[in-house]
Protein backbone atom coordinates (compact mmCIF):
# COMPACT_ATOMS: atom_id res chain seq x y z
CA UNK A 1 -43.37 110.87 -32.68
CA UNK A 2 -39.87 112.28 -31.97
CA UNK A 3 -39.51 115.08 -29.43
CA UNK A 4 -39.92 118.71 -30.46
CA UNK A 5 -36.71 120.06 -31.98
CA UNK A 6 -34.91 122.83 -30.09
CA UNK A 7 -32.05 125.14 -31.00
CA UNK A 8 -29.48 122.87 -29.25
CA UNK A 9 -30.83 119.96 -31.34
CA UNK A 10 -30.38 121.97 -34.54
CA UNK A 11 -26.88 123.06 -33.57
CA UNK A 12 -25.97 119.47 -32.78
CA UNK A 13 -27.11 118.38 -36.24
CA UNK A 14 -24.92 121.05 -37.83
CA UNK A 15 -21.95 120.14 -35.61
CA UNK A 16 -22.03 116.55 -36.80
CA UNK A 17 -22.30 117.61 -40.44
CA UNK A 18 -26.00 116.98 -41.03
CA UNK A 19 -27.59 119.63 -43.29
CA UNK A 20 -30.75 121.22 -41.95
CA UNK A 21 -33.95 121.04 -44.00
CA UNK A 22 -36.31 124.02 -43.98
CA UNK A 23 -39.49 124.83 -45.87
CA UNK A 24 -42.25 127.41 -45.75
CA UNK A 25 -45.75 126.52 -44.64
CA UNK A 26 -48.96 128.44 -44.04
CA UNK A 27 -51.71 126.08 -42.84
CA UNK A 28 -52.45 123.22 -40.44
CA UNK A 29 -52.97 120.28 -42.86
CA UNK A 30 -49.81 121.10 -44.80
CA UNK A 31 -47.91 121.48 -41.53
CA UNK A 32 -48.99 117.98 -40.52
CA UNK A 33 -47.66 116.55 -43.78
CA UNK A 34 -44.37 118.45 -43.54
CA UNK A 35 -43.89 117.57 -39.89
CA UNK A 36 -44.40 113.85 -40.50
CA UNK A 37 -41.98 113.99 -43.45
CA UNK A 38 -39.19 114.93 -41.04
CA UNK A 39 -38.45 118.53 -42.06
CA UNK A 40 -36.30 120.24 -39.42
CA UNK A 41 -37.45 123.88 -39.64
CA UNK A 42 -40.75 125.31 -40.86
CA UNK A 43 -40.93 128.99 -41.76
CA UNK A 44 -44.30 130.70 -41.67
CA UNK A 45 -43.09 133.24 -44.19
CA UNK A 46 -44.55 136.59 -45.12
CA UNK A 47 -44.46 135.08 -48.63
CA UNK A 48 -47.98 133.97 -47.65
CA UNK A 49 -49.06 137.36 -49.00
CA UNK A 50 -48.03 136.20 -52.48
CA UNK A 51 -48.46 132.42 -52.52
CA UNK A 52 -51.75 132.22 -50.61
CA UNK A 53 -53.34 135.68 -50.65
CA UNK A 54 -52.42 136.62 -54.23
CA UNK A 55 -50.59 139.90 -53.63
CA UNK A 56 -47.70 140.94 -55.93
CA UNK A 57 -45.24 141.19 -53.03
CA UNK A 58 -44.88 140.41 -49.32
CA UNK A 59 -45.63 143.89 -47.95
CA UNK A 60 -49.40 143.43 -47.35
CA UNK A 61 -48.72 140.71 -44.75
CA UNK A 62 -49.69 142.28 -41.42
CA UNK A 63 -49.07 141.07 -37.88
CA UNK A 64 -52.68 139.89 -37.66
CA UNK A 65 -52.34 137.90 -40.89
CA UNK A 66 -49.01 136.40 -39.85
CA UNK A 67 -50.25 135.46 -36.37
CA UNK A 68 -53.28 133.70 -37.85
CA UNK A 69 -51.22 131.55 -40.21
CA UNK A 70 -48.40 131.00 -37.72
CA UNK A 71 -50.79 129.71 -35.08
CA UNK A 72 -52.24 127.18 -37.54
CA UNK A 73 -48.79 125.93 -38.54
CA UNK A 74 -47.54 125.75 -34.95
CA UNK A 75 -50.50 123.55 -34.03
CA UNK A 76 -49.61 121.20 -36.86
CA UNK A 77 -45.91 120.82 -36.05
CA UNK A 78 -45.27 118.42 -33.20
CA UNK A 79 -41.59 117.93 -34.06
CA UNK A 80 -40.41 120.63 -36.48
CA UNK A 81 -38.96 123.92 -35.23
CA UNK A 82 -41.39 126.69 -36.25
CA UNK A 83 -40.22 130.18 -37.27
CA UNK A 84 -42.53 133.19 -37.33
CA UNK A 85 -41.59 135.69 -40.03
CA UNK A 86 -41.89 139.23 -38.71
CA UNK A 87 -43.76 141.25 -41.35
CA UNK A 88 -43.04 144.64 -42.86
CA UNK A 89 -42.88 147.45 -40.29
CA UNK A 90 -43.43 145.14 -37.32
CA UNK A 91 -39.84 145.60 -36.08
CA UNK A 92 -38.33 148.59 -37.93
CA UNK A 93 -40.06 151.42 -36.03
CA UNK A 94 -38.51 150.86 -32.60
CA UNK A 95 -36.80 148.22 -30.51
CA UNK A 96 -39.68 148.17 -28.03
CA UNK A 97 -42.19 147.55 -30.82
CA UNK A 98 -39.97 144.81 -32.26
CA UNK A 99 -39.85 143.09 -28.86
CA UNK A 100 -43.59 143.42 -28.39
CA UNK A 101 -44.40 141.95 -31.81
CA UNK A 102 -41.86 139.15 -31.42
CA UNK A 103 -43.50 138.36 -28.09
CA UNK A 104 -46.90 138.17 -29.79
CA UNK A 105 -45.53 135.56 -32.18
CA UNK A 106 -44.34 133.46 -29.24
CA UNK A 107 -47.33 133.91 -26.94
CA UNK A 108 -50.25 134.08 -29.39
CA UNK A 109 -49.04 131.91 -32.27
CA UNK A 110 -46.85 129.47 -30.33
CA UNK A 111 -43.84 129.59 -32.65
CA UNK A 112 -40.33 128.64 -31.53
CA UNK A 113 -38.51 131.75 -32.78
CA UNK A 114 -38.88 134.75 -35.07
CA UNK A 115 -37.08 135.83 -38.23
CA UNK A 116 -36.45 139.37 -39.41
CA UNK A 117 -34.74 140.92 -42.41
CA UNK A 118 -31.71 143.20 -42.39
CA UNK A 119 -28.16 143.33 -41.08
CA UNK A 120 -26.33 145.93 -39.04
CA UNK A 121 -29.25 148.35 -39.14
CA UNK A 122 -31.44 145.78 -37.40
CA UNK A 123 -28.94 144.64 -34.76
CA UNK A 124 -30.45 146.75 -31.98
CA UNK A 125 -33.81 145.09 -32.62
CA UNK A 126 -32.21 141.64 -32.70
CA UNK A 127 -30.31 142.35 -29.50
CA UNK A 128 -33.46 143.56 -27.75
CA UNK A 129 -35.56 140.58 -28.85
CA UNK A 130 -32.88 138.11 -27.82
CA UNK A 131 -32.46 139.87 -24.46
CA UNK A 132 -36.20 139.36 -23.96
CA UNK A 133 -35.63 135.62 -24.27
CA UNK A 134 -36.86 135.18 -27.84
CA UNK A 135 -34.61 133.39 -30.37
CA UNK A 136 -33.98 135.27 -33.63
CA UNK A 137 -33.01 134.10 -37.12
CA UNK A 138 -31.51 136.78 -39.35
CA UNK A 139 -32.18 137.20 -43.07
CA UNK A 140 -29.67 138.66 -45.55
CA UNK A 141 -29.15 138.89 -49.30
CA UNK A 142 -32.43 139.33 -51.11
CA UNK A 143 -34.68 140.80 -48.45
CA UNK A 144 -38.13 141.01 -50.07
CA UNK A 145 -39.47 143.66 -47.69
CA UNK A 146 -36.84 146.08 -49.03
CA UNK A 147 -36.81 144.84 -52.63
CA UNK A 148 -37.51 148.31 -54.03
CA UNK A 149 -34.47 149.72 -52.22
CA UNK A 150 -32.06 146.98 -53.32
CA UNK A 151 -33.04 146.90 -56.97
CA UNK A 152 -35.77 144.29 -57.06
CA UNK A 153 -35.91 140.53 -56.73
CA UNK A 154 -32.42 139.67 -57.90
CA UNK A 155 -29.19 138.09 -56.69
CA UNK A 156 -27.36 140.11 -54.04
CA UNK A 157 -23.62 140.17 -53.33
CA UNK A 158 -22.26 139.87 -56.85
CA UNK A 159 -19.76 142.71 -56.43
CA UNK A 160 -16.88 142.45 -53.98
CA UNK A 161 -18.21 145.32 -51.86
CA UNK A 162 -21.73 143.92 -51.80
CA UNK A 163 -20.39 140.53 -50.74
CA UNK A 164 -18.30 142.20 -48.01
CA UNK A 165 -21.40 143.99 -46.77
CA UNK A 166 -23.32 140.74 -46.47
CA UNK A 167 -20.42 139.14 -44.57
CA UNK A 168 -20.20 142.08 -42.18
CA UNK A 169 -23.97 142.04 -41.70
CA UNK A 170 -23.86 138.32 -40.92
CA UNK A 171 -21.10 138.79 -38.37
CA UNK A 172 -23.01 141.67 -36.79
CA UNK A 173 -26.19 139.58 -36.52
CA UNK A 174 -24.18 136.83 -34.87
CA UNK A 175 -22.73 139.31 -32.38
CA UNK A 176 -26.25 140.65 -31.70
CA UNK A 177 -27.37 137.17 -30.67
CA UNK A 178 -29.01 135.65 -33.75
CA UNK A 179 -28.83 131.85 -33.64
CA UNK A 180 -28.83 131.44 -37.45
CA UNK A 181 -28.88 133.47 -40.67
CA UNK A 182 -30.97 132.84 -43.77
CA UNK A 183 -29.09 133.81 -46.95
CA UNK A 184 -31.38 134.42 -49.94
CA UNK A 185 -30.10 134.69 -53.53
CA UNK A 186 -26.45 135.12 -52.58
CA UNK A 187 -23.70 133.74 -54.87
CA UNK A 188 -22.70 130.22 -53.87
CA UNK A 189 -19.04 130.99 -53.13
CA UNK A 190 -19.98 134.01 -51.00
CA UNK A 191 -22.37 131.83 -49.00
CA UNK A 192 -19.66 129.23 -48.53
CA UNK A 193 -17.20 131.79 -47.16
CA UNK A 194 -19.78 133.39 -44.87
CA UNK A 195 -20.69 129.95 -43.51
CA UNK A 196 -17.02 129.28 -42.76
CA UNK A 197 -16.63 132.62 -40.98
CA UNK A 198 -19.69 132.29 -38.76
CA UNK A 199 -20.07 130.21 -35.61
CA UNK A 200 -23.83 130.01 -36.16
CA UNK A 201 -25.64 128.06 -38.91
CA UNK A 202 -26.52 129.53 -42.29
CA UNK A 203 -29.56 128.53 -44.30
CA UNK A 204 -29.47 128.84 -48.09
CA UNK A 205 -32.46 129.70 -50.20
CA UNK A 206 -31.11 130.01 -53.72
CA UNK A 207 -27.63 130.62 -52.29
CA UNK A 208 -25.77 127.46 -53.27
CA UNK A 209 -24.74 124.28 -51.51
CA UNK A 210 -22.21 125.67 -49.06
CA UNK A 211 -24.59 126.53 -46.22
CA UNK A 212 -25.52 124.63 -43.07
CA UNK A 213 -29.07 124.04 -44.29
CA UNK A 214 -31.41 124.61 -47.20
CA UNK A 215 -34.83 126.19 -47.57
CA UNK A 216 -37.50 126.33 -50.26
CA UNK A 217 -41.01 127.71 -50.67
CA UNK A 218 -43.51 124.87 -50.27
CA UNK A 219 -45.66 125.99 -53.20
CA UNK A 220 -42.61 126.00 -55.50
CA UNK A 221 -41.51 122.53 -54.39
CA UNK A 222 -44.89 120.92 -55.06
CA UNK A 223 -45.84 122.93 -58.14
CA UNK A 224 -48.71 124.98 -56.73
CA UNK A 225 -47.58 128.52 -57.60
CA UNK A 226 -48.16 129.20 -61.28
CA UNK A 227 -47.02 132.85 -61.46
CA UNK A 228 -43.35 131.86 -61.77
CA UNK A 229 -40.86 129.24 -60.62
CA UNK A 230 -37.52 130.54 -59.27
CA UNK A 231 -34.40 129.18 -60.92
CA UNK A 232 -33.17 127.80 -57.60
CA UNK A 233 -36.39 125.88 -56.87
CA UNK A 234 -36.58 122.16 -57.57
CA UNK A 235 -40.07 120.82 -58.15
CA UNK A 236 -40.66 117.44 -56.49
CA UNK A 237 -44.32 117.13 -57.48
CA UNK A 238 -46.89 118.75 -59.77
CA UNK A 239 -49.71 119.01 -57.26
CA UNK A 240 -51.20 122.08 -58.89
CA UNK A 241 -51.74 120.26 -62.18
CA UNK A 242 -53.16 117.23 -60.39
CA UNK A 243 -55.60 119.38 -58.42
CA UNK A 244 -56.74 121.16 -61.57
CA UNK A 245 -57.34 117.81 -63.30
CA UNK A 246 -59.31 116.60 -60.28
CA UNK A 247 -61.50 119.69 -60.40
CA UNK A 248 -62.03 119.25 -64.14
CA UNK A 249 -63.22 115.67 -63.54
CA UNK A 250 -65.47 116.90 -60.74
CA UNK A 251 -67.12 119.44 -63.03
CA UNK A 252 -67.45 116.93 -65.87
CA UNK A 253 -69.12 114.28 -63.69
CA UNK A 254 -71.63 116.80 -62.38
CA UNK A 255 -72.45 117.94 -65.91
CA UNK A 256 -72.95 114.38 -67.23
CA UNK A 257 -74.81 113.35 -64.04
CA UNK A 258 -72.45 110.54 -63.06
CA UNK A 259 -71.90 112.30 -59.74
CA UNK A 260 -73.41 111.98 -57.25
CA UNK A 261 -74.27 108.31 -57.63
CA UNK A 262 -76.25 105.99 -55.35
CA UNK A 263 -73.10 105.23 -53.40
CA UNK A 264 -72.84 108.90 -52.44
CA UNK A 265 -76.42 109.18 -51.19
CA UNK A 266 -78.31 108.20 -48.04
CA UNK A 267 -81.60 106.30 -47.64
CA UNK A 268 -84.63 106.79 -45.43
CA UNK A 269 -86.42 103.78 -43.94
CA UNK A 270 -89.46 102.65 -45.98
CA UNK A 271 -91.95 103.34 -43.18
CA UNK A 272 -90.53 106.82 -42.60
CA UNK A 273 -90.54 107.48 -46.32
CA UNK A 274 -94.23 106.56 -46.61
CA UNK A 275 -95.10 108.89 -43.77
CA UNK A 276 -93.08 111.67 -45.34
CA UNK A 277 -94.61 111.15 -48.78
CA UNK A 278 -98.11 111.20 -47.33
CA UNK A 279 -97.35 114.50 -45.65
CA UNK A 280 -95.67 115.95 -48.74
CA UNK A 281 -98.64 115.11 -50.97
CA UNK A 282 -100.89 117.23 -48.74
CA UNK A 283 -98.71 120.30 -49.00
């Protein structure tokens, strides 16, 4: 197994023109699969509230929930660089609280860095976390934790001023010490320009092909989230449909008594069976 990826390794990949691959993950067995497939970065996203826990948005993801899932993923990733997604209100209240919660991700969950949403307004928190020795990835564009304030789950940066704001936020995050910035649902050309202006990598999720790396939600990629499929998501498998068919066959074989068969059962030695039957008959 290759050595665990570090930030210098990731930066070296970008420097030689190799795009970074990034995907979300929420559990140990999936992490093992992703890790062995060679994915570079694994994000334990607060999207777990929607894709795994069934909530309508990401806000119900608490620190306790995120730490539980992040710890499982971190144990499953021997090579991939694991990112803990700081949940709603875990870093907005104060810099000291942001540092403390980021430290919990590192110490309790064993992740390699944390990610938080927001630009210039969050730079003090980013600066404090980085000063504490914890790497930070920024997140701009569609920031789900503030979806109600930015007009919902839609593309950000379509006006000149909005695009300028994202660029300025990205530059501010870089100055605050962020080692990379995730750009979500930003127009492709805006992403391309921001990537050119920054000295740190950008990761695109629905933000075009001009970034340093590309991210998707695992459940979208393998067809396991039926509520909706984002336009930017490419489905590489239909695991959800296959699992449903498997469960339908399971139910059918139980109903028609073809499962379990003799090959799924265990035997007792003849002498032990006789002794048991003798005892049972007296009961």
